[in-house]
Amino acid sequence: MSLCEVRIPTYKRPDLLRRALTSLIEQTYPNWKAIVLDDSPEQEAQQVVRELNDNRILYRPNEQNLGRSKNIDYAFYSTSYLNGMYAFVLEDDNYLLPNYIDANIRFIENNNVGIILRNQEVRLEKHGVSIPTGATTRGGWFEEGIYTPLQIYARLFFCEGISNGGLFWRTDRIKSNLQVGFRVEHSWHQEVFRTLQIKENVYFLQEPLCVFTEFYQEQNSNDFLKKFAAFKGSPEHNRGTQAILNYLVNTYNDEIVQEAQRVAIRNNAEHTLERQLISALYFKYLFKKLSYLEVMKYSFKYTLRYFLYRDPFQEILATMT
């Protein structure tokens, strides 16, 4: 059995980390090693690792606090840290079903692919209980099969594209650089840029063998989530998203719009696509879902945003063109 390498970024969530690590210990595929990347100055994760007492789990505290996005980005080194043939990132609030590693490795080897995107089941964390919601992270935007980079980029009109917890790859075969660098500070945009750095075909697997955790509203009172929610609705965040969409239509022109239209029709999301295209300042589209007045209103709003706020990703996007 070839070694599978697991990177686990964590910060001040020892109970959730214990659950994630337990799901790893219970894997049917035994040949793995995990690096726990603890970003907390108090190093709460160290006690969890010590109590689980599994020599496959390595504890590595950061010398200084990196912040959530930077710690996650460090985990996405495409090649190997521990000489592992395979790698994936398991964030501390997520966890795995028992055959996750085995099923992914079997698929990669049987189909000769370098990277897969595995669907995730969405569960709600409420008072220490993980409750199924019936939803998945990417099942609405992807069907099982192979996707070219452009087909993946087209999903950025509707979601973040790939998902951190769904990526699984072979370290000697992957061609994409999954690290986006410290210039992208916020995790939402970081995931978008990770999508833009996919440079090879990716196979999407519909069956969810891992869990993505959403938190019950009462738990959304911590400082990070407050700041993140405020940022996501801020003019700076919206201007950044606009810059990315504008980059997509300027780089890939009608080809990406046609692909996004196919996605929109399949998911009854044409209204969303039309608003996103106006945000990208793409007006060659035949708008059908928005009324004339809506087109005028959004055109004015998004054009004003374009000129009033600084593009936070101008330098980064220029290097990608």
C-alpha atoms as a PDB file:
ATOM      1  CA  MET A   1       0.000   0.000   0.000  1.00  0.00           C
ATOM      2  CA  SER A   2       1.351   3.427  -0.968  1.00  0.00           C
ATOM      3  CA  LEU A   3       1.434   6.133   1.695  1.00  0.00           C
ATOM      4  CA  CYS A   4      -1.399   8.678   1.841  1.00  0.00           C
ATOM      5  CA  GLU A   5      -0.490  12.015   3.374  1.00  0.00           C
ATOM      6  CA  VAL A   6      -3.106  14.013   5.292  1.00  0.00           C
ATOM      7  CA  ARG A   7      -2.681  17.698   6.169  1.00  0.00           C
ATOM      8  CA  ILE A   8      -4.908  18.910   9.041  1.00  0.00           C
ATOM      9  CA  PRO A   9      -4.994  22.669   9.739  1.00  0.00           C
ATOM     10  CA  THR A  10      -6.512  23.447  13.142  1.00  0.00           C
ATOM     11  CA  TYR A  11      -7.106  26.364  15.483  1.00  0.00           C
ATOM     12  CA  LYS A  12      -8.651  26.258  18.968  1.00  0.00           C
ATOM     13  CA  ARG A  13     -11.158  23.459  18.205  1.00  0.00           C
ATOM     14  CA  PRO A  14      -9.868  20.410  20.083  1.00  0.00           C
ATOM     15  CA  ASP A  15     -13.213  18.579  20.207  1.00  0.00           C
ATOM     16  CA  LEU A  16     -13.774  18.908  16.475  1.00  0.00           C
ATOM     17  CA  LEU A  17     -10.164  17.988  15.802  1.00  0.00           C
ATOM     18  CA  ARG A  18     -10.590  14.824  17.875  1.00  0.00           C
ATOM     19  CA  ARG A  19     -13.564  13.840  15.719  1.00  0.00           C
ATOM     20  CA  ALA A  20     -11.625  14.500  12.492  1.00  0.00           C
ATOM     21  CA  LEU A  21      -8.647  12.466  13.677  1.00  0.00           C
ATOM     22  CA  THR A  22     -10.870   9.640  14.911  1.00  0.00           C
ATOM     23  CA  SER A  23     -12.469   9.421  11.470  1.00  0.00           C
ATOM     24  CA  LEU A  24      -8.957   9.142  10.063  1.00  0.00           C
ATOM     25  CA  ILE A  25      -7.968   6.384  12.484  1.00  0.00           C
ATOM     26  CA  GLU A  26     -11.111   4.464  11.472  1.00  0.00           C
ATOM     27  CA  GLN A  27     -10.196   4.449   7.769  1.00  0.00           C
ATOM     28  CA  THR A  28     -10.218   1.065   6.052  1.00  0.00           C
ATOM     29  CA  TYR A  29      -6.982   2.115   4.322  1.00  0.00           C
ATOM     30  CA  PRO A  30      -4.331   1.966   7.075  1.00  0.00           C
ATOM     31  CA  ASN A  31      -1.202   3.329   5.374  1.00  0.00           C
ATOM     32  CA  TRP A  32      -1.497   7.043   6.026  1.00  0.00           C
ATOM     33  CA  LYS A  33       0.343   9.719   7.951  1.00  0.00           C
ATOM     34  CA  ALA A  34      -1.163  12.983   9.130  1.00  0.00           C
ATOM     35  CA  ILE A  35       0.395  16.358   9.957  1.00  0.00           C
ATOM     36  CA  VAL A  36      -1.620  18.410  12.444  1.00  0.00           C
ATOM     37  CA  LEU A  37      -0.833  22.061  11.665  1.00  0.00           C
ATOM     38  CA  ASP A  38      -1.748  23.862  14.883  1.00  0.00           C
ATOM     39  CA  ASP A  39      -2.090  27.633  14.476  1.00  0.00           C
ATOM     40  CA  SER A  40      -3.095  28.274  18.088  1.00  0.00           C
ATOM     41  CA  PRO A  41      -0.536  29.850  20.468  1.00  0.00           C
ATOM     42  CA  GLU A  42      -2.061  27.747  23.279  1.00  0.00           C
ATOM     43  CA  GLN A  43      -1.468  24.541  21.270  1.00  0.00           C
ATOM     44  CA  GLU A  44      -4.706  22.834  22.358  1.00  0.00           C
ATOM     45  CA  ALA A  45      -4.280  20.272  19.581  1.00  0.00           C
ATOM     46  CA  GLN A  46      -1.175  18.807  21.186  1.00  0.00           C
ATOM     47  CA  GLN A  47      -3.164  17.183  23.990  1.00  0.00           C
ATOM     48  CA  VAL A  48      -5.621  15.690  21.495  1.00  0.00           C
ATOM     49  CA  VAL A  49      -2.809  14.109  19.501  1.00  0.00           C
ATOM     50  CA  ARG A  50      -1.198  12.817  22.690  1.00  0.00           C
ATOM     51  CA  GLU A  51      -4.445  11.232  23.923  1.00  0.00           C
ATOM     52  CA  LEU A  52      -5.149   9.477  20.610  1.00  0.00           C
ATOM     53  CA  ASN A  53      -1.658   7.961  20.788  1.00  0.00           C
ATOM     54  CA  ASP A  54      -1.318   6.983  17.134  1.00  0.00           C
ATOM     55  CA  ASN A  55       2.206   7.250  15.756  1.00  0.00           C
ATOM     56  CA  ARG A  56       0.817   7.984  12.294  1.00  0.00           C
ATOM     57  CA  ILE A  57      -0.283  11.429  13.567  1.00  0.00           C
ATOM     58  CA  LEU A  58       2.465  14.070  13.672  1.00  0.00           C
ATOM     59  CA  TYR A  59       1.998  17.290  15.622  1.00  0.00           C
ATOM     60  CA  ARG A  60       3.498  20.447  14.117  1.00  0.00           C
ATOM     61  CA  PRO A  61       2.630  23.767  15.776  1.00  0.00           C
ATOM     62  CA  ASN A  62       3.287  26.909  13.770  1.00  0.00           C
ATOM     63  CA  GLU A  63       6.134  29.027  15.092  1.00  0.00           C
ATOM     64  CA  GLN A  64       3.866  32.057  14.839  1.00  0.00           C
ATOM     65  CA  ASN A  65       0.170  32.510  14.186  1.00  0.00           C
ATOM     66  CA  LEU A  66      -0.472  32.426  10.434  1.00  0.00           C
ATOM     67  CA  GLY A  67      -4.223  32.983  10.418  1.00  0.00           C
ATOM     68  CA  ARG A  68      -6.821  30.557   9.083  1.00  0.00           C
ATOM     69  CA  SER A  69      -6.314  31.176   5.374  1.00  0.00           C
ATOM     70  CA  LYS A  70      -2.522  31.009   5.486  1.00  0.00           C
ATOM     71  CA  ASN A  71      -2.561  27.852   7.587  1.00  0.00           C
ATOM     72  CA  ILE A  72      -4.914  26.167   5.113  1.00  0.00           C
ATOM     73  CA  ASP A  73      -2.835  27.360   2.185  1.00  0.00           C
ATOM     74  CA  TYR A  74       0.271  25.822   3.713  1.00  0.00           C
ATOM     75  CA  ALA A  75      -1.600  22.501   3.833  1.00  0.00           C
ATOM     76  CA  PHE A  76      -2.192  22.599   0.066  1.00  0.00           C
ATOM     77  CA  TYR A  77       1.402  21.995  -0.992  1.00  0.00           C
ATOM     78  CA  SER A  78       0.836  19.947  -4.161  1.00  0.00           C
ATOM     79  CA  THR A  79       3.830  17.660  -3.822  1.00  0.00           C
ATOM     80  CA  SER A  80       4.759  15.633  -0.769  1.00  0.00           C
ATOM     81  CA  TYR A  81       5.778  16.692   2.732  1.00  0.00           C
ATOM     82  CA  LEU A  82       6.175  13.107   4.020  1.00  0.00           C
ATOM     83  CA  ASN A  83       6.983  11.169   0.827  1.00  0.00           C
ATOM     84  CA  GLY A  84       3.321  10.289   0.416  1.00  0.00           C
ATOM     85  CA  MET A  85       2.062   9.077  -2.959  1.00  0.00           C
ATOM     86  CA  TYR A  86      -1.363  10.623  -2.274  1.00  0.00           C
ATOM     87  CA  ALA A  87      -2.463  13.709  -0.369  1.00  0.00           C
ATOM     88  CA  PHE A  88      -5.507  15.611   0.803  1.00  0.00           C
ATOM     89  CA  VAL A  89      -6.480  18.293   3.335  1.00  0.00           C
ATOM     90  CA  LEU A  90      -8.810  17.543   6.236  1.00  0.00           C
ATOM     91  CA  GLU A  91      -9.898  20.736   7.997  1.00  0.00           C
ATOM     92  CA  ASP A  92     -10.492  20.233  11.712  1.00  0.00           C
ATOM     93  CA  ASP A  93     -14.277  20.791  11.587  1.00  0.00           C
ATOM     94  CA  ASN A  94     -14.809  18.209   8.828  1.00  0.00           C
ATOM     95  CA  TYR A  95     -14.520  14.431   8.963  1.00  0.00           C
ATOM     96  CA  LEU A  96     -14.411  11.317   6.780  1.00  0.00           C
ATOM     97  CA  LEU A  97     -16.508   8.241   6.169  1.00  0.00           C
ATOM     98  CA  PRO A  98     -14.496   5.021   6.725  1.00  0.00           C
ATOM     99  CA  ASN A  99     -13.762   4.182   3.064  1.00  0.00           C
ATOM    100  CA  TYR A 100     -12.828   7.708   1.942  1.00  0.00           C
ATOM    101  CA  ILE A 101      -9.104   7.112   1.380  1.00  0.00           C
ATOM    102  CA  ASP A 102      -9.483   3.613  -0.029  1.00  0.00           C
ATOM    103  CA  ALA A 103     -12.193   4.600  -2.536  1.00  0.00           C
ATOM    104  CA  ASN A 104     -10.258   7.644  -3.744  1.00  0.00           C
ATOM    105  CA  ILE A 105      -7.004   5.758  -4.249  1.00  0.00           C
ATOM    106  CA  ARG A 106      -8.755   2.930  -6.076  1.00  0.00           C
ATOM    107  CA  PHE A 107     -10.419   5.414  -8.415  1.00  0.00           C
ATOM    108  CA  ILE A 108      -7.196   7.290  -9.155  1.00  0.00           C
ATOM    109  CA  GLU A 109      -5.315   4.106  -9.954  1.00  0.00           C
ATOM    110  CA  ASN A 110      -8.097   2.463 -11.963  1.00  0.00           C
ATOM    111  CA  ASN A 111      -8.672   5.577 -14.069  1.00  0.00           C
ATOM    112  CA  ASN A 112      -5.132   6.992 -14.310  1.00  0.00           C
ATOM    113  CA  VAL A 113      -6.044  10.498 -13.121  1.00  0.00           C
ATOM    114  CA  GLY A 114      -3.955  12.932 -11.094  1.00  0.00           C
ATOM    115  CA  ILE A 115      -6.623  14.766  -9.132  1.00  0.00           C
ATOM    116  CA  ILE A 116     -10.224  14.158  -8.141  1.00  0.00           C
ATOM    117  CA  LEU A 117     -12.907  16.322  -6.582  1.00  0.00           C
ATOM    118  CA  ARG A 118     -15.049  14.332  -4.176  1.00  0.00           C
ATOM    119  CA  ASN A 119     -18.515  15.573  -3.264  1.00  0.00           C
ATOM    120  CA  GLN A 120     -19.108  16.330   0.435  1.00  0.00           C
ATOM    121  CA  GLU A 121     -22.185  15.731   2.543  1.00  0.00           C
ATOM    122  CA  VAL A 122     -23.283  18.874   4.385  1.00  0.00           C
ATOM    123  CA  ARG A 123     -24.100  18.342   8.057  1.00  0.00           C
ATOM    124  CA  LEU A 124     -25.172  20.856  10.668  1.00  0.00           C
ATOM    125  CA  GLU A 125     -23.177  21.043  13.886  1.00  0.00           C
ATOM    126  CA  LYS A 126     -25.616  21.762  16.716  1.00  0.00           C
ATOM    127  CA  HIS A 127     -24.646  21.420  20.389  1.00  0.00           C
ATOM    128  CA  GLY A 128     -22.053  18.754  19.640  1.00  0.00           C
ATOM    129  CA  VAL A 129     -24.301  16.728  17.306  1.00  0.00           C
ATOM    130  CA  SER A 130     -23.636  16.408  13.572  1.00  0.00           C
ATOM    131  CA  ILE A 131     -27.051  16.494  11.862  1.00  0.00           C
ATOM    132  CA  PRO A 132     -27.563  15.430   8.199  1.00  0.00           C
ATOM    133  CA  THR A 133     -29.141  18.123   6.012  1.00  0.00           C
ATOM    134  CA  GLY A 134     -29.662  16.135   2.812  1.00  0.00           C
ATOM    135  CA  ALA A 135     -27.464  18.623   0.934  1.00  0.00           C
ATOM    136  CA  THR A 136     -24.011  18.305  -0.609  1.00  0.00           C
ATOM    137  CA  THR A 137     -21.374  20.916  -1.348  1.00  0.00           C
ATOM    138  CA  ARG A 138     -21.017  20.405  -5.114  1.00  0.00           C
ATOM    139  CA  GLY A 139     -23.718  17.966  -6.214  1.00  0.00           C
ATOM    140  CA  GLY A 140     -25.826  20.795  -7.587  1.00  0.00           C
ATOM    141  CA  TRP A 141     -23.093  22.269  -9.748  1.00  0.00           C
ATOM    142  CA  PHE A 142     -21.299  19.138 -10.972  1.00  0.00           C
ATOM    143  CA  GLU A 143     -22.348  15.826 -12.452  1.00  0.00           C
ATOM    144  CA  GLU A 144     -20.082  12.802 -12.178  1.00  0.00           C
ATOM    145  CA  GLY A 145     -17.363  12.830 -14.815  1.00  0.00           C
ATOM    146  CA  ILE A 146     -14.270  14.575 -16.139  1.00  0.00           C
ATOM    147  CA  TYR A 147     -14.059  18.378 -16.200  1.00  0.00           C
ATOM    148  CA  THR A 148     -11.624  20.544 -18.092  1.00  0.00           C
ATOM    149  CA  PRO A 149     -10.186  23.592 -16.307  1.00  0.00           C
ATOM    150  CA  LEU A 150     -12.489  25.910 -18.266  1.00  0.00           C
ATOM    151  CA  GLN A 151     -15.555  23.877 -17.263  1.00  0.00           C
ATOM    152  CA  ILE A 152     -14.488  24.195 -13.643  1.00  0.00           C
ATOM    153  CA  TYR A 153     -13.849  27.934 -13.974  1.00  0.00           C
ATOM    154  CA  ALA A 154     -17.386  28.377 -15.339  1.00  0.00           C
ATOM    155  CA  ARG A 155     -18.754  27.209 -11.966  1.00  0.00           C
ATOM    156  CA  LEU A 156     -17.247  30.343 -10.400  1.00  0.00           C
ATOM    157  CA  PHE A 157     -20.287  32.260 -11.607  1.00  0.00           C
ATOM    158  CA  PHE A 158     -22.305  30.237  -9.065  1.00  0.00           C
ATOM    159  CA  CYS A 159     -20.001  28.948  -6.308  1.00  0.00           C
ATOM    160  CA  GLU A 160     -16.352  28.846  -5.221  1.00  0.00           C
ATOM    161  CA  GLY A 161     -15.544  26.210  -7.835  1.00  0.00           C
ATOM    162  CA  ILE A 162     -13.626  23.353  -6.244  1.00  0.00           C
ATOM    163  CA  SER A 163     -13.961  22.757  -2.495  1.00  0.00           C
ATOM    164  CA  ASN A 164     -11.007  22.434  -0.142  1.00  0.00           C
ATOM    165  CA  GLY A 165     -12.360  19.321   1.539  1.00  0.00           C
ATOM    166  CA  GLY A 166     -13.143  17.526  -1.711  1.00  0.00           C
ATOM    167  CA  LEU A 167      -9.711  17.581  -3.362  1.00  0.00           C
ATOM    168  CA  PHE A 168      -7.617  14.402  -3.374  1.00  0.00           C
ATOM    169  CA  TRP A 169      -4.555  13.989  -5.555  1.00  0.00           C
ATOM    170  CA  ARG A 170      -1.524  11.931  -6.453  1.00  0.00           C
ATOM    171  CA  THR A 171       1.555  13.947  -5.535  1.00  0.00           C
ATOM    172  CA  ASP A 172       3.755  12.704  -8.387  1.00  0.00           C
ATOM    173  CA  ARG A 173       1.077  13.144 -11.034  1.00  0.00           C
ATOM    174  CA  ILE A 174      -0.635  16.441 -10.258  1.00  0.00           C
ATOM    175  CA  LYS A 175       0.202  19.354 -12.582  1.00  0.00           C
ATOM    176  CA  SER A 176      -1.609  22.139 -10.718  1.00  0.00           C
ATOM    177  CA  ASN A 177      -0.193  24.342  -7.974  1.00  0.00           C
ATOM    178  CA  LEU A 178      -2.843  24.243  -5.231  1.00  0.00           C
ATOM    179  CA  GLN A 179      -1.232  26.929  -3.088  1.00  0.00           C
ATOM    180  CA  VAL A 180      -2.463  30.428  -3.817  1.00  0.00           C
ATOM    181  CA  GLY A 181       0.043  32.308  -1.656  1.00  0.00           C
ATOM    182  CA  PHE A 182      -0.384  34.781   1.147  1.00  0.00           C
ATOM    183  CA  ARG A 183      -1.531  37.606  -1.118  1.00  0.00           C
ATOM    184  CA  VAL A 184      -5.085  36.222  -0.919  1.00  0.00           C
ATOM    185  CA  GLU A 185      -6.061  36.650   2.709  1.00  0.00           C
ATOM    186  CA  HIS A 186      -9.668  35.491   2.967  1.00  0.00           C
ATOM    187  CA  SER A 187     -10.656  31.844   2.721  1.00  0.00           C
ATOM    188  CA  TRP A 188     -13.576  32.335   0.289  1.00  0.00           C
ATOM    189  CA  HIS A 189     -11.451  34.088  -2.321  1.00  0.00           C
ATOM    190  CA  GLN A 190      -8.598  31.715  -1.583  1.00  0.00           C
ATOM    191  CA  GLU A 191     -10.777  28.812  -2.678  1.00  0.00           C
ATOM    192  CA  VAL A 192     -11.713  30.724  -5.830  1.00  0.00           C
ATOM    193  CA  PHE A 193      -8.064  31.305  -6.709  1.00  0.00           C
ATOM    194  CA  ARG A 194      -7.269  27.663  -5.975  1.00  0.00           C
ATOM    195  CA  THR A 195      -9.890  26.860  -8.599  1.00  0.00           C
ATOM    196  CA  LEU A 196      -8.243  29.228 -11.081  1.00  0.00           C
ATOM    197  CA  GLN A 197      -4.937  27.428 -10.587  1.00  0.00           C
ATOM    198  CA  ILE A 198      -6.336  24.086 -11.730  1.00  0.00           C
ATOM    199  CA  LYS A 199      -4.438  23.378 -14.975  1.00  0.00           C
ATOM    200  CA  GLU A 200      -5.499  19.810 -15.698  1.00  0.00           C
ATOM    201  CA  ASN A 201      -8.638  17.730 -16.044  1.00  0.00           C
ATOM    202  CA  VAL A 202     -10.337  16.871 -12.766  1.00  0.00           C
ATOM    203  CA  TYR A 203     -12.701  13.962 -12.186  1.00  0.00           C
ATOM    204  CA  PHE A 204     -15.733  14.752 -10.029  1.00  0.00           C
ATOM    205  CA  LEU A 205     -17.134  11.908  -7.921  1.00  0.00           C
ATOM    206  CA  GLN A 206     -20.739  12.384  -6.899  1.00  0.00           C
ATOM    207  CA  GLU A 207     -20.843   9.994  -3.923  1.00  0.00           C
ATOM    208  CA  PRO A 208     -20.085  11.999  -0.741  1.00  0.00           C
ATOM    209  CA  LEU A 209     -17.595  10.102   1.402  1.00  0.00           C
ATOM    210  CA  CYS A 210     -16.620  13.068   3.569  1.00  0.00           C
ATOM    211  CA  VAL A 211     -18.542  15.585   5.649  1.00  0.00           C
ATOM    212  CA  PHE A 212     -18.534  19.377   5.401  1.00  0.00           C
ATOM    213  CA  THR A 213     -19.680  21.040   8.617  1.00  0.00           C
ATOM    214  CA  GLU A 214     -21.970  24.033   8.810  1.00  0.00           C
ATOM    215  CA  PHE A 215     -22.555  25.548  12.227  1.00  0.00           C
ATOM    216  CA  TYR A 216     -25.832  26.171  13.986  1.00  0.00           C
ATOM    217  CA  GLN A 217     -26.620  29.871  14.204  1.00  0.00           C
ATOM    218  CA  GLU A 218     -25.975  30.067  17.942  1.00  0.00           C
ATOM    219  CA  GLN A 219     -22.359  29.134  17.303  1.00  0.00           C
ATOM    220  CA  ASN A 220     -21.959  31.853  14.696  1.00  0.00           C
ATOM    221  CA  SER A 221     -21.206  34.422  17.390  1.00  0.00           C
ATOM    222  CA  ASN A 222     -17.444  33.978  17.464  1.00  0.00           C
ATOM    223  CA  ASP A 223     -15.270  36.827  16.244  1.00  0.00           C
ATOM    224  CA  PHE A 224     -13.964  35.089  13.133  1.00  0.00           C
ATOM    225  CA  LEU A 225     -17.389  34.239  11.720  1.00  0.00           C
ATOM    226  CA  LYS A 226     -18.669  37.727  12.483  1.00  0.00           C
ATOM    227  CA  LYS A 227     -15.743  39.288  10.676  1.00  0.00           C
ATOM    228  CA  PHE A 228     -16.009  36.846   7.775  1.00  0.00           C
ATOM    229  CA  ALA A 229     -19.759  37.467   7.328  1.00  0.00           C
ATOM    230  CA  ALA A 230     -19.160  41.213   7.394  1.00  0.00           C
ATOM    231  CA  PHE A 231     -16.324  40.906   4.883  1.00  0.00           C
ATOM    232  CA  LYS A 232     -18.327  38.752   2.491  1.00  0.00           C
ATOM    233  CA  GLY A 233     -20.968  41.456   2.168  1.00  0.00           C
ATOM    234  CA  SER A 234     -18.532  44.341   2.045  1.00  0.00           C
ATOM    235  CA  PRO A 235     -17.784  46.488  -1.023  1.00  0.00           C
ATOM    236  CA  GLU A 236     -14.177  45.248  -0.949  1.00  0.00           C
ATOM    237  CA  HIS A 237     -15.266  41.601  -1.122  1.00  0.00           C
ATOM    238  CA  ASN A 238     -17.787  42.315  -3.876  1.00  0.00           C
ATOM    239  CA  ARG A 239     -15.232  44.297  -5.868  1.00  0.00           C
ATOM    240  CA  GLY A 240     -12.805  41.378  -5.587  1.00  0.00           C
ATOM    241  CA  THR A 241     -15.416  38.936  -6.860  1.00  0.00           C
ATOM    242  CA  GLN A 242     -16.265  41.329  -9.676  1.00  0.00           C
ATOM    243  CA  ALA A 243     -12.601  41.483 -10.662  1.00  0.00           C
ATOM    244  CA  ILE A 244     -12.447  37.686 -10.887  1.00  0.00           C
ATOM    245  CA  LEU A 245     -15.589  37.467 -13.029  1.00  0.00           C
ATOM    246  CA  ASN A 246     -14.325  40.266 -15.252  1.00  0.00           C
ATOM    247  CA  TYR A 247     -11.043  38.372 -15.644  1.00  0.00           C
ATOM    248  CA  LEU A 248     -12.936  35.227 -16.681  1.00  0.00           C
ATOM    249  CA  VAL A 249     -14.993  36.860 -19.436  1.00  0.00           C
ATOM    250  CA  ASN A 250     -12.018  38.854 -20.739  1.00  0.00           C
ATOM    251  CA  THR A 251      -9.781  35.792 -20.813  1.00  0.00           C
ATOM    252  CA  TYR A 252     -12.170  33.100 -22.052  1.00  0.00           C
ATOM    253  CA  ASN A 253     -14.833  35.260 -23.748  1.00  0.00           C
ATOM    254  CA  ASP A 254     -17.919  33.575 -25.184  1.00  0.00           C
ATOM    255  CA  GLU A 255     -16.612  30.064 -24.507  1.00  0.00           C
ATOM    256  CA  ILE A 256     -16.877  30.389 -20.734  1.00  0.00           C
ATOM    257  CA  VAL A 257     -20.191  32.218 -20.948  1.00  0.00           C
ATOM    258  CA  GLN A 258     -21.673  29.386 -22.998  1.00  0.00           C
ATOM    259  CA  GLU A 259     -20.452  26.821 -20.483  1.00  0.00           C
ATOM    260  CA  ALA A 260     -21.841  28.887 -17.597  1.00  0.00           C
ATOM    261  CA  GLN A 261     -25.164  29.117 -19.453  1.00  0.00           C
ATOM    262  CA  ARG A 262     -25.345  25.319 -19.680  1.00  0.00           C
ATOM    263  CA  VAL A 263     -24.757  25.102 -15.934  1.00  0.00           C
ATOM    264  CA  ALA A 264     -27.380  27.777 -15.272  1.00  0.00           C
ATOM    265  CA  ILE A 265     -30.049  26.072 -17.385  1.00  0.00           C
ATOM    266  CA  ARG A 266     -29.406  22.709 -15.725  1.00  0.00           C
ATOM    267  CA  ASN A 267     -29.712  24.256 -12.258  1.00  0.00           C
ATOM    268  CA  ASN A 268     -32.457  26.799 -12.937  1.00  0.00           C
ATOM    269  CA  ALA A 269     -29.958  29.549 -12.126  1.00  0.00           C
ATOM    270  CA  GLU A 270     -30.209  31.766 -15.201  1.00  0.00           C
ATOM    271  CA  HIS A 271     -31.238  34.761 -13.104  1.00  0.00           C
ATOM    272  CA  THR A 272     -28.039  34.397 -11.050  1.00  0.00           C
ATOM    273  CA  LEU A 273     -25.896  34.078 -14.168  1.00  0.00           C
ATOM    274  CA  GLU A 274     -27.359  37.202 -15.729  1.00  0.00           C
ATOM    275  CA  ARG A 275     -26.578  39.265 -12.624  1.00  0.00           C
ATOM    276  CA  GLN A 276     -23.056  37.866 -12.495  1.00  0.00           C
ATOM    277  CA  LEU A 277     -22.464  38.682 -16.163  1.00  0.00           C
ATOM    278  CA  ILE A 278     -23.542  42.276 -15.574  1.00  0.00           C
ATOM    279  CA  SER A 279     -21.203  42.407 -12.579  1.00  0.00           C
ATOM    280  CA  ALA A 280     -18.434  41.219 -14.938  1.00  0.00           C
ATOM    281  CA  LEU A 281     -19.446  44.058 -17.318  1.00  0.00           C
ATOM    282  CA  TYR A 282     -20.286  41.539 -20.028  1.00  0.00           C
ATOM    283  CA  PHE A 283     -23.196  42.913 -22.060  1.00  0.00           C
ATOM    284  CA  LYS A 284     -23.161  40.706 -25.164  1.00  0.00           C
ATOM    285  CA  TYR A 285     -25.524  38.250 -23.497  1.00  0.00           C
ATOM    286  CA  LEU A 286     -29.188  38.033 -24.479  1.00  0.00           C
ATOM    287  CA  PHE A 287     -30.803  38.734 -21.108  1.00  0.00           C
ATOM    288  CA  LYS A 288     -34.069  36.862 -20.689  1.00  0.00           C
ATOM    289  CA  LYS A 289     -34.654  36.499 -16.956  1.00  0.00           C
ATOM    290  CA  LEU A 290     -33.928  40.088 -15.941  1.00  0.00           C
ATOM    291  CA  SER A 291     -36.276  42.826 -17.019  1.00  0.00           C
ATOM    292  CA  TYR A 292     -35.004  45.834 -18.911  1.00  0.00           C
ATOM    293  CA  LEU A 293     -35.244  47.959 -15.756  1.00  0.00           C
ATOM    294  CA  GLU A 294     -33.312  45.355 -13.767  1.00  0.00           C
ATOM    295  CA  VAL A 295     -30.578  45.251 -16.383  1.00  0.00           C
ATOM    296  CA  MET A 296     -30.301  49.035 -16.225  1.00  0.00           C
ATOM    297  CA  LYS A 297     -30.301  49.061 -12.411  1.00  0.00           C
ATOM    298  CA  TYR A 298     -27.597  46.398 -12.067  1.00  0.00           C
ATOM    299  CA  SER A 299     -25.545  47.893 -14.874  1.00  0.00           C
ATOM    300  CA  PHE A 300     -25.432  51.228 -13.062  1.00  0.00           C
ATOM    301  CA  LYS A 301     -24.729  49.601  -9.679  1.00  0.00           C
ATOM    302  CA  TYR A 302     -21.924  47.334 -10.857  1.00  0.00           C
ATOM    303  CA  THR A 303     -20.311  49.922 -13.128  1.00  0.00           C
ATOM    304  CA  LEU A 304     -20.241  52.310 -10.176  1.00  0.00           C
ATOM    305  CA  ARG A 305     -18.639  49.610  -8.017  1.00  0.00           C
ATOM    306  CA  TYR A 306     -16.036  48.980 -10.712  1.00  0.00           C
ATOM    307  CA  PHE A 307     -14.865  52.592 -10.717  1.00  0.00           C
ATOM    308  CA  LEU A 308     -15.340  53.505  -7.054  1.00  0.00           C
ATOM    309  CA  TYR A 309     -13.458  50.655  -5.409  1.00  0.00           C
ATOM    310  CA  ARG A 310      -9.924  49.440  -5.909  1.00  0.00           C
ATOM    311  CA  ASP A 311      -9.422  46.057  -7.541  1.00  0.00           C
ATOM    312  CA  PRO A 312      -7.729  44.024  -4.750  1.00  0.00           C
ATOM    313  CA  PHE A 313      -6.550  41.313  -7.147  1.00  0.00           C
ATOM    314  CA  GLN A 314      -5.183  43.379 -10.034  1.00  0.00           C
ATOM    315  CA  GLU A 315      -1.582  42.260  -9.573  1.00  0.00           C
ATOM    316  CA  ILE A 316      -2.477  38.616  -8.939  1.00  0.00           C
ATOM    317  CA  LEU A 317      -4.788  38.330 -11.927  1.00  0.00           C
ATOM    318  CA  ALA A 318      -2.219  40.050 -14.154  1.00  0.00           C
ATOM    319  CA  THR A 319       0.249  37.236 -13.433  1.00  0.00           C
ATOM    320  CA  MET A 320      -2.360  34.630 -14.377  1.00  0.00           C
ATOM    321  CA  THR A 321      -3.192  36.084 -17.787  1.00  0.00           C
END
